[in-house]
């Protein structure tokens, strides 16, 4: 079973920055696109950023474009999310998974525990 471990969340003021990490146990990590999903209270989980297996292609939801940057290190089976200019509406639990067709619902059935991001003054 694939294990995903997200970390790096916390409480930050509006305009601040955080860097999230997601470590995977999957030996096939480098063969898959990866994405960061988030779920805010009372809302459905949504995909906000994705990166191709090689790291050459990156996609962003309009809500985070220009503020978030996704990257990956296949040697470490880890994907990162640099979040700048954070807004209160970015408050959510953030998860990583494999997006179907590079931008879609998650393919891996198991989720990590997620990492809480709270943007508040």
PDB file of N, CA and C in Angstrom:
ATOM      1  N   UNK A   1       0.839  -1.183   0.000  1.00  0.00           N
ATOM      2  CA  UNK A   1       0.000   0.000   0.000  1.00  0.00           C
ATOM      3  C   UNK A   1       0.884   1.246   0.000  1.00  0.00           C
ATOM      4  N   UNK A   2       0.512   2.194  -0.850  1.00  0.00           N
ATOM      5  CA  UNK A   2       1.286   3.425  -0.945  1.00  0.00           C
ATOM      6  C   UNK A   2       1.061   4.270   0.297  1.00  0.00           C
ATOM      7  N   UNK A   3       2.142   4.805   0.812  1.00  0.00           N
ATOM      8  CA  UNK A   3       2.042   5.728   1.938  1.00  0.00           C
ATOM      9  C   UNK A   3       2.430   7.127   1.480  1.00  0.00           C
ATOM     10  N   UNK A   4       1.636   8.085   1.888  1.00  0.00           N
ATOM     11  CA  UNK A   4       1.883   9.481   1.589  1.00  0.00           C
ATOM     12  C   UNK A   4       1.954  10.232   2.905  1.00  0.00           C
ATOM     13  N   UNK A   5       2.999  11.019   3.077  1.00  0.00           N
ATOM     14  CA  UNK A   5       3.179  11.763   4.320  1.00  0.00           C
ATOM     15  C   UNK A   5       3.391  13.226   3.986  1.00  0.00           C
ATOM     16  N   UNK A   6       2.386  14.023   4.312  1.00  0.00           N
ATOM     17  CA  UNK A   6       2.448  15.459   4.079  1.00  0.00           C
ATOM     18  C   UNK A   6       2.950  16.166   5.332  1.00  0.00           C
ATOM     19  N   UNK A   7       3.673  17.247   5.126  1.00  0.00           N
ATOM     20  CA  UNK A   7       4.183  18.027   6.248  1.00  0.00           C
ATOM     21  C   UNK A   7       4.423  19.465   5.813  1.00  0.00           C
ATOM     22  N   UNK A   8       4.669  20.324   6.793  1.00  0.00           N
ATOM     23  CA  UNK A   8       5.044  21.696   6.499  1.00  0.00           C
ATOM     24  C   UNK A   8       3.961  22.733   6.734  1.00  0.00           C
ATOM     25  N   UNK A   9       2.775  22.291   7.075  1.00  0.00           N
ATOM     26  CA  UNK A   9       1.695  23.249   7.306  1.00  0.00           C
ATOM     27  C   UNK A   9       1.884  24.017   8.596  1.00  0.00           C
ATOM     28  N   UNK A  10       0.982  24.954   8.836  1.00  0.00           N
ATOM     29  CA  UNK A  10       1.054  25.739  10.050  1.00  0.00           C
ATOM     30  C   UNK A  10       0.147  26.935   9.988  1.00  0.00           C
ATOM     31  N   UNK A  11       0.320  27.808  10.954  1.00  0.00           N
ATOM     32  CA  UNK A  11      -0.440  29.048  11.029  1.00  0.00           C
ATOM     33  C   UNK A  11       0.428  30.182  10.499  1.00  0.00           C
ATOM     34  N   UNK A  12      -0.112  30.935   9.569  1.00  0.00           N
ATOM     35  CA  UNK A  12       0.651  32.023   8.977  1.00  0.00           C
ATOM     36  C   UNK A  12      -0.275  33.211   8.749  1.00  0.00           C
ATOM     37  N   UNK A  13       0.284  34.391   8.797  1.00  0.00           N
ATOM     38  CA  UNK A  13      -0.511  35.598   8.555  1.00  0.00           C
ATOM     39  C   UNK A  13      -0.742  35.787   7.068  1.00  0.00           C
ATOM     40  N   UNK A  14      -1.792  36.492   6.709  1.00  0.00           N
ATOM     41  CA  UNK A  14      -2.007  36.806   5.287  1.00  0.00           C
ATOM     42  C   UNK A  14      -0.773  37.466   4.687  1.00  0.00           C
ATOM     43  N   UNK A  15      -0.432  37.030   3.488  1.00  0.00           N
ATOM     44  CA  UNK A  15       0.771  37.524   2.833  1.00  0.00           C
ATOM     45  C   UNK A  15       2.010  36.703   3.129  1.00  0.00           C
ATOM     46  N   UNK A  16       1.899  35.791   4.053  1.00  0.00           N
ATOM     47  CA  UNK A  16       3.039  34.968   4.428  1.00  0.00           C
ATOM     48  C   UNK A  16       3.268  33.803   3.479  1.00  0.00           C
ATOM     49  N   UNK A  17       4.250  32.975   3.833  1.00  0.00           N
ATOM     50  CA  UNK A  17       4.645  31.848   2.983  1.00  0.00           C
ATOM     51  C   UNK A  17       4.789  30.574   3.797  1.00  0.00           C
ATOM     52  N   UNK A  18       4.582  29.474   3.120  1.00  0.00           N
ATOM     53  CA  UNK A  18       4.829  28.148   3.680  1.00  0.00           C
ATOM     54  C   UNK A  18       5.339  27.240   2.573  1.00  0.00           C
ATOM     55  N   UNK A  19       6.078  26.222   2.972  1.00  0.00           N
ATOM     56  CA  UNK A  19       6.522  25.210   2.013  1.00  0.00           C
ATOM     57  C   UNK A  19       6.086  23.842   2.506  1.00  0.00           C
ATOM     58  N   UNK A  20       5.247  23.211   1.721  1.00  0.00           N
ATOM     59  CA  UNK A  20       4.750  21.884   2.062  1.00  0.00           C
ATOM     60  C   UNK A  20       5.583  20.811   1.375  1.00  0.00           C
ATOM     61  N   UNK A  21       5.647  19.656   2.029  1.00  0.00           N
ATOM     62  CA  UNK A  21       6.332  18.501   1.449  1.00  0.00           C
ATOM     63  C   UNK A  21       5.421  17.289   1.500  1.00  0.00           C
ATOM     64  N   UNK A  22       5.573  16.419   0.517  1.00  0.00           N
ATOM     65  CA  UNK A  22       4.835  15.163   0.507  1.00  0.00           C
ATOM     66  C   UNK A  22       5.814  14.069   0.120  1.00  0.00           C
ATOM     67  N   UNK A  23       6.052  13.164   1.039  1.00  0.00           N
ATOM     68  CA  UNK A  23       6.949  12.045   0.787  1.00  0.00           C
ATOM     69  C   UNK A  23       6.114  10.800   0.499  1.00  0.00           C
ATOM     70  N   UNK A  24       6.516  10.080  -0.541  1.00  0.00           N
ATOM     71  CA  UNK A  24       5.785   8.878  -0.936  1.00  0.00           C
ATOM     72  C   UNK A  24       6.654   7.645  -0.786  1.00  0.00           C
ATOM     73  N   UNK A  25       6.000   6.547  -0.428  1.00  0.00           N
ATOM     74  CA  UNK A  25       6.713   5.281  -0.310  1.00  0.00           C
ATOM     75  C   UNK A  25       6.727   4.524  -1.626  1.00  0.00           C
ATOM     76  N   UNK A  26       6.025   5.036  -2.610  1.00  0.00           N
ATOM     77  CA  UNK A  26       5.850   4.310  -3.860  1.00  0.00           C
ATOM     78  C   UNK A  26       7.135   4.246  -4.672  1.00  0.00           C
ATOM     79  N   UNK A  27       7.501   3.039  -5.060  1.00  0.00           N
ATOM     80  CA  UNK A  27       8.691   2.883  -5.890  1.00  0.00           C
ATOM     81  C   UNK A  27       8.460   3.419  -7.296  1.00  0.00           C
ATOM     82  N   UNK A  28       7.180   3.594  -7.647  1.00  0.00           N
ATOM     83  CA  UNK A  28       6.850   4.101  -8.969  1.00  0.00           C
ATOM     84  C   UNK A  28       6.553   5.592  -8.930  1.00  0.00           C
ATOM     85  N   UNK A  29       6.970   6.257  -7.868  1.00  0.00           N
ATOM     86  CA  UNK A  29       6.706   7.688  -7.709  1.00  0.00           C
ATOM     87  C   UNK A  29       7.145   8.458  -8.942  1.00  0.00           C
ATOM     88  N   UNK A  30       8.340   8.187  -9.408  1.00  0.00           N
ATOM     89  CA  UNK A  30       8.904   8.969 -10.502  1.00  0.00           C
ATOM     90  C   UNK A  30       8.165   8.756 -11.821  1.00  0.00           C
ATOM     91  N   UNK A  31       7.303   7.753 -11.886  1.00  0.00           N
ATOM     92  CA  UNK A  31       6.567   7.468 -13.115  1.00  0.00           C
ATOM     93  C   UNK A  31       5.214   8.159 -13.158  1.00  0.00           C
ATOM     94  N   UNK A  32       4.843   8.823 -12.072  1.00  0.00           N
ATOM     95  CA  UNK A  32       3.513   9.411 -11.968  1.00  0.00           C
ATOM     96  C   UNK A  32       3.530  10.920 -11.840  1.00  0.00           C
ATOM     97  N   UNK A  33       2.530  11.539 -12.455  1.00  0.00           N
ATOM     98  CA  UNK A  33       2.264  12.928 -12.133  1.00  0.00           C
ATOM     99  C   UNK A  33       1.841  12.992 -10.668  1.00  0.00           C
ATOM    100  N   UNK A  34       2.045  14.124 -10.042  1.00  0.00           N
ATOM    101  CA  UNK A  34       1.623  14.312  -8.659  1.00  0.00           C
ATOM    102  C   UNK A  34       0.864  15.617  -8.553  1.00  0.00           C
ATOM    103  N   UNK A  35      -0.021  15.663  -7.598  1.00  0.00           N
ATOM    104  CA  UNK A  35      -0.799  16.877  -7.404  1.00  0.00           C
ATOM    105  C   UNK A  35      -1.019  17.163  -5.936  1.00  0.00           C
ATOM    106  N   UNK A  36      -1.302  18.414  -5.661  1.00  0.00           N
ATOM    107  CA  UNK A  36      -1.713  18.823  -4.314  1.00  0.00           C
ATOM    108  C   UNK A  36      -3.205  19.152  -4.357  1.00  0.00           C
ATOM    109  N   UNK A  37      -3.922  18.520  -3.451  1.00  0.00           N
ATOM    110  CA  UNK A  37      -5.338  18.781  -3.272  1.00  0.00           C
ATOM    111  C   UNK A  37      -5.512  19.501  -1.934  1.00  0.00           C
ATOM    112  N   UNK A  38      -6.613  20.202  -1.804  1.00  0.00           N
ATOM    113  CA  UNK A  38      -6.906  20.805  -0.510  1.00  0.00           C
ATOM    114  C   UNK A  38      -8.393  20.706  -0.224  1.00  0.00           C
ATOM    115  N   UNK A  39      -8.679  20.666   1.062  1.00  0.00           N
ATOM    116  CA  UNK A  39     -10.076  20.611   1.485  1.00  0.00           C
ATOM    117  C   UNK A  39     -10.287  21.607   2.606  1.00  0.00           C
ATOM    118  N   UNK A  40     -11.109  22.596   2.308  1.00  0.00           N
ATOM    119  CA  UNK A  40     -11.466  23.602   3.298  1.00  0.00           C
ATOM    120  C   UNK A  40     -12.699  23.127   4.060  1.00  0.00           C
ATOM    121  N   UNK A  41     -12.909  23.648   5.269  1.00  0.00           N
ATOM    122  CA  UNK A  41     -14.073  23.232   6.057  1.00  0.00           C
ATOM    123  C   UNK A  41     -15.370  23.425   5.292  1.00  0.00           C
ATOM    124  N   UNK A  42     -16.174  22.380   5.241  1.00  0.00           N
ATOM    125  CA  UNK A  42     -17.455  22.460   4.582  1.00  0.00           C
ATOM    126  C   UNK A  42     -17.415  22.420   3.069  1.00  0.00           C
ATOM    127  N   UNK A  43     -16.237  22.201   2.515  1.00  0.00           N
ATOM    128  CA  UNK A  43     -16.099  22.178   1.049  1.00  0.00           C
ATOM    129  C   UNK A  43     -15.528  20.842   0.579  1.00  0.00           C
ATOM    130  N   UNK A  44     -15.700  20.576  -0.691  1.00  0.00           N
ATOM    131  CA  UNK A  44     -15.145  19.360  -1.259  1.00  0.00           C
ATOM    132  C   UNK A  44     -13.641  19.522  -1.499  1.00  0.00           C
ATOM    133  N   UNK A  45     -12.974  18.395  -1.537  1.00  0.00           N
ATOM    134  CA  UNK A  45     -11.555  18.414  -1.824  1.00  0.00           C
ATOM    135  C   UNK A  45     -11.345  18.833  -3.280  1.00  0.00           C
ATOM    136  N   UNK A  46     -10.378  19.707  -3.514  1.00  0.00           N
ATOM    137  CA  UNK A  46     -10.119  20.193  -4.863  1.00  0.00           C
ATOM    138  C   UNK A  46      -8.643  20.112  -5.188  1.00  0.00           C
ATOM    139  N   UNK A  47      -8.359  19.901  -6.458  1.00  0.00           N
ATOM    140  CA  UNK A  47      -6.984  19.878  -6.948  1.00  0.00           C
ATOM    141  C   UNK A  47      -6.554  21.306  -7.232  1.00  0.00           C
ATOM    142  N   UNK A  48      -5.409  21.709  -6.718  1.00  0.00           N
ATOM    143  CA  UNK A  48      -4.968  23.084  -6.930  1.00  0.00           C
ATOM    144  C   UNK A  48      -3.704  23.187  -7.775  1.00  0.00           C
ATOM    145  N   UNK A  49      -2.840  22.192  -7.720  1.00  0.00           N
ATOM    146  CA  UNK A  49      -1.635  22.219  -8.541  1.00  0.00           C
ATOM    147  C   UNK A  49      -1.259  20.789  -8.915  1.00  0.00           C
ATOM    148  N   UNK A  50      -0.580  20.633 -10.043  1.00  0.00           N
ATOM    149  CA  UNK A  50      -0.112  19.316 -10.464  1.00  0.00           C
ATOM    150  C   UNK A  50       1.181  19.459 -11.234  1.00  0.00           C
ATOM    151  N   UNK A  51       1.968  18.385 -11.213  1.00  0.00           N
ATOM    152  CA  UNK A  51       3.252  18.386 -11.906  1.00  0.00           C
ATOM    153  C   UNK A  51       3.416  17.043 -12.602  1.00  0.00           C
ATOM    154  N   UNK A  52       3.973  17.073 -13.803  1.00  0.00           N
ATOM    155  CA  UNK A  52       4.172  15.843 -14.557  1.00  0.00           C
ATOM    156  C   UNK A  52       5.260  14.988 -13.913  1.00  0.00           C
ATOM    157  N   UNK A  53       5.383  13.759 -14.359  1.00  0.00           N
ATOM    158  CA  UNK A  53       6.359  12.841 -13.770  1.00  0.00           C
ATOM    159  C   UNK A  53       7.785  13.375 -13.885  1.00  0.00           C
ATOM    160  N   UNK A  54       8.076  14.036 -14.979  1.00  0.00           N
ATOM    161  CA  UNK A  54       9.420  14.579 -15.182  1.00  0.00           C
ATOM    162  C   UNK A  54       9.616  15.932 -14.523  1.00  0.00           C
ATOM    163  N   UNK A  55       8.520  16.576 -14.184  1.00  0.00           N
ATOM    164  CA  UNK A  55       8.601  17.915 -13.603  1.00  0.00           C
ATOM    165  C   UNK A  55       8.549  19.026 -14.625  1.00  0.00           C
ATOM    166  N   UNK A  56       8.459  18.678 -15.894  1.00  0.00           N
ATOM    167  CA  UNK A  56       8.504  19.694 -16.944  1.00  0.00           C
ATOM    168  C   UNK A  56       7.180  20.438 -17.127  1.00  0.00           C
ATOM    169  N   UNK A  57       6.092  19.789 -16.798  1.00  0.00           N
ATOM    170  CA  UNK A  57       4.779  20.399 -16.990  1.00  0.00           C
ATOM    171  C   UNK A  57       4.134  20.630 -15.628  1.00  0.00           C
ATOM    172  N   UNK A  58       3.677  21.854 -15.420  1.00  0.00           N
ATOM    173  CA  UNK A  58       3.027  22.214 -14.166  1.00  0.00           C
ATOM    174  C   UNK A  58       1.705  22.896 -14.489  1.00  0.00           C
ATOM    175  N   UNK A  59       0.707  22.567 -13.726  1.00  0.00           N
ATOM    176  CA  UNK A  59      -0.611  23.163 -13.916  1.00  0.00           C
ATOM    177  C   UNK A  59      -1.092  23.731 -12.593  1.00  0.00           C
ATOM    178  N   UNK A  60      -1.808  24.859 -12.688  1.00  0.00           N
ATOM    179  CA  UNK A  60      -2.273  25.538 -11.488  1.00  0.00           C
ATOM    180  C   UNK A  60      -3.730  25.944 -11.640  1.00  0.00           C
ATOM    181  N   UNK A  61      -4.476  25.810 -10.573  1.00  0.00           N
ATOM    182  CA  UNK A  61      -5.818  26.365 -10.549  1.00  0.00           C
ATOM    183  C   UNK A  61      -5.703  27.885 -10.561  1.00  0.00           C
ATOM    184  N   UNK A  62      -6.690  28.537 -11.131  1.00  0.00           N
ATOM    185  CA  UNK A  62      -6.650  30.005 -11.223  1.00  0.00           C
ATOM    186  C   UNK A  62      -6.515  30.653  -9.845  1.00  0.00           C
ATOM    187  N   UNK A  63      -7.071  30.017  -8.851  1.00  0.00           N
ATOM    188  CA  UNK A  63      -7.073  30.611  -7.511  1.00  0.00           C
ATOM    189  C   UNK A  63      -5.677  30.699  -6.896  1.00  0.00           C
ATOM    190  N   UNK A  64      -4.726  29.913  -7.401  1.00  0.00           N
ATOM    191  CA  UNK A  64      -3.386  29.908  -6.804  1.00  0.00           C
ATOM    192  C   UNK A  64      -2.300  30.305  -7.803  1.00  0.00           C
ATOM    193  N   UNK A  65      -2.681  30.506  -9.042  1.00  0.00           N
ATOM    194  CA  UNK A  65      -1.702  30.828 -10.080  1.00  0.00           C
ATOM    195  C   UNK A  65      -0.951  32.097  -9.731  1.00  0.00           C
ATOM    196  N   UNK A  66       0.370  32.026  -9.867  1.00  0.00           N
ATOM    197  CA  UNK A  66       1.200  33.177  -9.568  1.00  0.00           C
ATOM    198  C   UNK A  66       1.626  33.265  -8.116  1.00  0.00           C
ATOM    199  N   UNK A  67       1.026  32.442  -7.259  1.00  0.00           N
ATOM    200  CA  UNK A  67       1.366  32.469  -5.833  1.00  0.00           C
ATOM    201  C   UNK A  67       1.966  31.147  -5.368  1.00  0.00           C
ATOM    202  N   UNK A  68       1.522  30.052  -5.940  1.00  0.00           N
ATOM    203  CA  UNK A  68       1.989  28.720  -5.546  1.00  0.00           C
ATOM    204  C   UNK A  68       2.925  28.176  -6.622  1.00  0.00           C
ATOM    205  N   UNK A  69       3.917  27.398  -6.173  1.00  0.00           N
ATOM    206  CA  UNK A  69       4.837  26.735  -7.097  1.00  0.00           C
ATOM    207  C   UNK A  69       5.038  25.291  -6.668  1.00  0.00           C
ATOM    208  N   UNK A  70       4.808  24.383  -7.590  1.00  0.00           N
ATOM    209  CA  UNK A  70       5.009  22.965  -7.299  1.00  0.00           C
ATOM    210  C   UNK A  70       6.339  22.512  -7.884  1.00  0.00           C
ATOM    211  N   UNK A  71       6.987  21.603  -7.184  1.00  0.00           N
ATOM    212  CA  UNK A  71       8.232  21.023  -7.668  1.00  0.00           C
ATOM    213  C   UNK A  71       8.341  19.600  -7.123  1.00  0.00           C
ATOM    214  N   UNK A  72       9.303  18.876  -7.623  1.00  0.00           N
ATOM    215  CA  UNK A  72       9.469  17.502  -7.156  1.00  0.00           C
ATOM    216  C   UNK A  72      10.925  17.097  -7.218  1.00  0.00           C
ATOM    217  N   UNK A  73      11.265  16.107  -6.384  1.00  0.00           N
ATOM    218  CA  UNK A  73      12.586  15.508  -6.376  1.00  0.00           C
ATOM    219  C   UNK A  73      12.367  14.002  -6.467  1.00  0.00           C
ATOM    220  N   UNK A  74      12.509  13.457  -7.642  1.00  0.00           N
ATOM    221  CA  UNK A  74      12.224  12.038  -7.834  1.00  0.00           C
ATOM    222  C   UNK A  74      13.222  11.135  -7.098  1.00  0.00           C
ATOM    223  N   UNK A  75      14.402  11.634  -6.871  1.00  0.00           N
ATOM    224  CA  UNK A  75      15.386  10.844  -6.133  1.00  0.00           C
ATOM    225  C   UNK A  75      14.962  10.657  -4.681  1.00  0.00           C
ATOM    226  N   UNK A  76      14.152  11.591  -4.185  1.00  0.00           N
ATOM    227  CA  UNK A  76      13.686  11.523  -2.796  1.00  0.00           C
ATOM    228  C   UNK A  76      12.215  11.125  -2.693  1.00  0.00           C
ATOM    229  N   UNK A  77      11.592  10.823  -3.841  1.00  0.00           N
ATOM    230  CA  UNK A  77      10.163  10.477  -3.840  1.00  0.00           C
ATOM    231  C   UNK A  77       9.337  11.549  -3.120  1.00  0.00           C
ATOM    232  N   UNK A  78       9.642  12.786  -3.387  1.00  0.00           N
ATOM    233  CA  UNK A  78       9.013  13.889  -2.668  1.00  0.00           C
ATOM    234  C   UNK A  78       8.546  14.968  -3.633  1.00  0.00           C
ATOM    235  N   UNK A  79       7.369  15.495  -3.338  1.00  0.00           N
ATOM    236  CA  UNK A  79       6.844  16.630  -4.085  1.00  0.00           C
ATOM    237  C   UNK A  79       6.656  17.785  -3.097  1.00  0.00           C
ATOM    238  N   UNK A  80       6.893  18.996  -3.583  1.00  0.00           N
ATOM    239  CA  UNK A  80       6.857  20.179  -2.728  1.00  0.00           C
ATOM    240  C   UNK A  80       5.817  21.174  -3.239  1.00  0.00           C
ATOM    241  N   UNK A  81       5.373  22.018  -2.333  1.00  0.00           N
ATOM    242  CA  UNK A  81       4.483  23.110  -2.698  1.00  0.00           C
ATOM    243  C   UNK A  81       4.933  24.364  -1.969  1.00  0.00           C
ATOM    244  N   UNK A  82       5.475  25.292  -2.725  1.00  0.00           N
ATOM    245  CA  UNK A  82       5.845  26.590  -2.167  1.00  0.00           C
ATOM    246  C   UNK A  82       4.648  27.509  -2.299  1.00  0.00           C
ATOM    247  N   UNK A  83       4.178  28.018  -1.183  1.00  0.00           N
ATOM    248  CA  UNK A  83       2.997  28.873  -1.167  1.00  0.00           C
ATOM    249  C   UNK A  83       3.395  30.257  -0.685  1.00  0.00           C
ATOM    250  N   UNK A  84       3.223  31.233  -1.539  1.00  0.00           N
ATOM    251  CA  UNK A  84       3.530  32.625  -1.209  1.00  0.00           C
ATOM    252  C   UNK A  84       2.259  33.458  -1.255  1.00  0.00           C
ATOM    253  N   UNK A  85       2.340  34.644  -0.688  1.00  0.00           N
ATOM    254  CA  UNK A  85       1.203  35.571  -0.697  1.00  0.00           C
ATOM    255  C   UNK A  85      -0.085  34.873  -0.261  1.00  0.00           C
ATOM    256  N   UNK A  86       0.002  34.172   0.820  1.00  0.00           N
ATOM    257  CA  UNK A  86      -1.137  33.375   1.277  1.00  0.00           C
ATOM    258  C   UNK A  86      -2.309  34.255   1.679  1.00  0.00           C
ATOM    259  N   UNK A  87      -3.495  33.723   1.406  1.00  0.00           N
ATOM    260  CA  UNK A  87      -4.740  34.422   1.706  1.00  0.00           C
ATOM    261  C   UNK A  87      -5.579  33.580   2.679  1.00  0.00           C
ATOM    262  N   UNK A  88      -6.480  34.208   3.395  1.00  0.00           N
ATOM    263  CA  UNK A  88      -7.342  33.432   4.305  1.00  0.00           C
ATOM    264  C   UNK A  88      -8.085  32.306   3.583  1.00  0.00           C
ATOM    265  N   UNK A  89      -8.431  32.525   2.329  1.00  0.00           N
ATOM    266  CA  UNK A  89      -9.161  31.487   1.587  1.00  0.00           C
ATOM    267  C   UNK A  89      -8.284  30.298   1.200  1.00  0.00           C
ATOM    268  N   UNK A  90      -6.992  30.378   1.473  1.00  0.00           N
ATOM    269  CA  UNK A  90      -6.113  29.220   1.266  1.00  0.00           C
ATOM    270  C   UNK A  90      -6.160  28.272   2.456  1.00  0.00           C
ATOM    271  N   UNK A  91      -6.829  28.671   3.511  1.00  0.00           N
ATOM    272  CA  UNK A  91      -6.945  27.822   4.692  1.00  0.00           C
ATOM    273  C   UNK A  91      -7.628  26.517   4.342  1.00  0.00           C
ATOM    274  N   UNK A  92      -6.950  25.415   4.629  1.00  0.00           N
ATOM    275  CA  UNK A  92      -7.466  24.095   4.268  1.00  0.00           C
ATOM    276  C   UNK A  92      -6.485  23.037   4.759  1.00  0.00           C
ATOM    277  N   UNK A  93      -6.906  21.799   4.672  1.00  0.00           N
ATOM    278  CA  UNK A  93      -5.982  20.685   4.845  1.00  0.00           C
ATOM    279  C   UNK A  93      -5.480  20.308   3.457  1.00  0.00           C
ATOM    280  N   UNK A  94      -4.166  20.218   3.323  1.00  0.00           N
ATOM    281  CA  UNK A  94      -3.546  19.948   2.032  1.00  0.00           C
ATOM    282  C   UNK A  94      -3.059  18.502   1.972  1.00  0.00           C
ATOM    283  N   UNK A  95      -3.354  17.860   0.842  1.00  0.00           N
ATOM    284  CA  UNK A  95      -3.001  16.463   0.610  1.00  0.00           C
ATOM    285  C   UNK A  95      -2.313  16.329  -0.743  1.00  0.00           C
ATOM    286  N   UNK A  96      -1.543  15.286  -0.902  1.00  0.00           N
ATOM    287  CA  UNK A  96      -0.976  14.979  -2.214  1.00  0.00           C
ATOM    288  C   UNK A  96      -1.524  13.635  -2.698  1.00  0.00           C
ATOM    289  N   UNK A  97      -1.533  13.474  -4.004  1.00  0.00           N
ATOM    290  CA  UNK A  97      -1.987  12.227  -4.611  1.00  0.00           C
ATOM    291  C   UNK A  97      -1.655  12.295  -6.102  1.00  0.00           C
ATOM    292  N   UNK A  98      -1.998  11.260  -6.810  1.00  0.00           N
ATOM    293  CA  UNK A  98      -1.751  11.215  -8.256  1.00  0.00           C
ATOM    294  C   UNK A  98      -3.021  11.647  -8.988  1.00  0.00           C
ATOM    295  N   UNK A  99      -2.993  12.729  -9.733  1.00  0.00           N
ATOM    296  CA  UNK A  99      -4.190  13.163 -10.453  1.00  0.00           C
ATOM    297  C   UNK A  99      -4.389  12.383 -11.741  1.00  0.00           C
ATOM    298  N   UNK A 100      -5.585  11.924 -11.963  1.00  0.00           N
ATOM    299  CA  UNK A 100      -5.877  11.184 -13.181  1.00  0.00           C
ATOM    300  C   UNK A 100      -5.637  12.061 -14.404  1.00  0.00           C
ATOM    301  N   UNK A 101      -4.980  11.492 -15.404  1.00  0.00           N
ATOM    302  CA  UNK A 101      -4.703  12.207 -16.653  1.00  0.00           C
ATOM    303  C   UNK A 101      -3.976  13.519 -16.412  1.00  0.00           C
ATOM    304  N   UNK A 102      -3.240  13.595 -15.343  1.00  0.00           N
ATOM    305  CA  UNK A 102      -2.453  14.781 -15.071  1.00  0.00           C
ATOM    306  C   UNK A 102      -3.205  15.925 -14.411  1.00  0.00           C
ATOM    307  N   UNK A 103      -4.509  15.901 -14.453  1.00  0.00           N
ATOM    308  CA  UNK A 103      -5.340  16.938 -13.809  1.00  0.00           C
ATOM    309  C   UNK A 103      -6.734  16.367 -13.662  1.00  0.00           C
ATOM    310  N   UNK A 104      -6.974  15.749 -12.517  1.00  0.00           N
ATOM    311  CA  UNK A 104      -8.260  15.109 -12.332  1.00  0.00           C
ATOM    312  C   UNK A 104      -8.378  14.518 -10.949  1.00  0.00           C
ATOM    313  N   UNK A 105      -9.360  13.674 -10.748  1.00  0.00           N
ATOM    314  CA  UNK A 105      -9.538  13.055  -9.435  1.00  0.00           C
ATOM    315  C   UNK A 105      -8.354  12.162  -9.085  1.00  0.00           C
ATOM    316  N   UNK A 106      -8.159  11.902  -7.825  1.00  0.00           N
ATOM    317  CA  UNK A 106      -6.998  11.118  -7.389  1.00  0.00           C
ATOM    318  C   UNK A 106      -7.098   9.666  -7.817  1.00  0.00           C
ATOM    319  N   UNK A 107      -5.957   9.101  -8.193  1.00  0.00           N
ATOM    320  CA  UNK A 107      -5.908   7.710  -8.611  1.00  0.00           C
ATOM    321  C   UNK A 107      -5.584   6.757  -7.469  1.00  0.00           C
ATOM    322  N   UNK A 108      -4.766   7.214  -6.538  1.00  0.00           N
ATOM    323  CA  UNK A 108      -4.399   6.342  -5.423  1.00  0.00           C
ATOM    324  C   UNK A 108      -5.508   6.381  -4.385  1.00  0.00           C
ATOM    325  N   UNK A 109      -5.915   5.214  -3.970  1.00  0.00           N
ATOM    326  CA  UNK A 109      -7.029   5.126  -3.043  1.00  0.00           C
ATOM    327  C   UNK A 109      -6.701   5.566  -1.634  1.00  0.00           C
ATOM    328  N   UNK A 110      -5.425   5.553  -1.288  1.00  0.00           N
ATOM    329  CA  UNK A 110      -5.066   5.920   0.077  1.00  0.00           C
ATOM    330  C   UNK A 110      -4.618   7.373   0.129  1.00  0.00           C
ATOM    331  N   UNK A 111      -4.977   8.029   1.209  1.00  0.00           N
ATOM    332  CA  UNK A 111      -4.573   9.410   1.450  1.00  0.00           C
ATOM    333  C   UNK A 111      -3.665   9.455   2.669  1.00  0.00           C
ATOM    334  N   UNK A 112      -2.801  10.443   2.697  1.00  0.00           N
ATOM    335  CA  UNK A 112      -2.034  10.699   3.900  1.00  0.00           C
ATOM    336  C   UNK A 112      -2.904  11.416   4.911  1.00  0.00           C
ATOM    337  N   UNK A 113      -2.284  11.826   5.997  1.00  0.00           N
ATOM    338  CA  UNK A 113      -3.037  12.520   7.046  1.00  0.00           C
ATOM    339  C   UNK A 113      -3.289  13.984   6.685  1.00  0.00           C
ATOM    340  N   UNK A 114      -2.587  14.452   5.663  1.00  0.00           N
ATOM    341  CA  UNK A 114      -2.726  15.843   5.272  1.00  0.00           C
ATOM    342  C   UNK A 114      -1.950  16.757   6.202  1.00  0.00           C
ATOM    343  N   UNK A 115      -1.836  17.999   5.796  1.00  0.00           N
ATOM    344  CA  UNK A 115      -1.179  19.002   6.637  1.00  0.00           C
ATOM    345  C   UNK A 115      -2.042  20.258   6.638  1.00  0.00           C
ATOM    346  N   UNK A 116      -2.315  20.744   7.833  1.00  0.00           N
ATOM    347  CA  UNK A 116      -3.234  21.879   7.997  1.00  0.00           C
ATOM    348  C   UNK A 116      -2.509  23.189   7.704  1.00  0.00           C
ATOM    349  N   UNK A 117      -3.110  23.991   6.857  1.00  0.00           N
ATOM    350  CA  UNK A 117      -2.637  25.345   6.590  1.00  0.00           C
ATOM    351  C   UNK A 117      -3.725  26.311   7.041  1.00  0.00           C
ATOM    352  N   UNK A 118      -3.360  27.208   7.919  1.00  0.00           N
ATOM    353  CA  UNK A 118      -4.302  28.203   8.425  1.00  0.00           C
ATOM    354  C   UNK A 118      -3.709  29.581   8.183  1.00  0.00           C
ATOM    355  N   UNK A 119      -4.448  30.390   7.444  1.00  0.00           N
ATOM    356  CA  UNK A 119      -4.006  31.745   7.141  1.00  0.00           C
ATOM    357  C   UNK A 119      -4.928  32.708   7.881  1.00  0.00           C
ATOM    358  N   UNK A 120      -4.371  33.358   8.866  1.00  0.00           N
ATOM    359  CA  UNK A 120      -5.199  34.221   9.705  1.00  0.00           C
ATOM    360  C   UNK A 120      -4.320  35.248  10.412  1.00  0.00           C
ATOM    361  N   UNK A 121      -4.890  36.410  10.625  1.00  0.00           N
ATOM    362  CA  UNK A 121      -4.181  37.432  11.371  1.00  0.00           C
ATOM    363  C   UNK A 121      -4.550  37.381  12.846  1.00  0.00           C
TER     364      UNK A 121
END
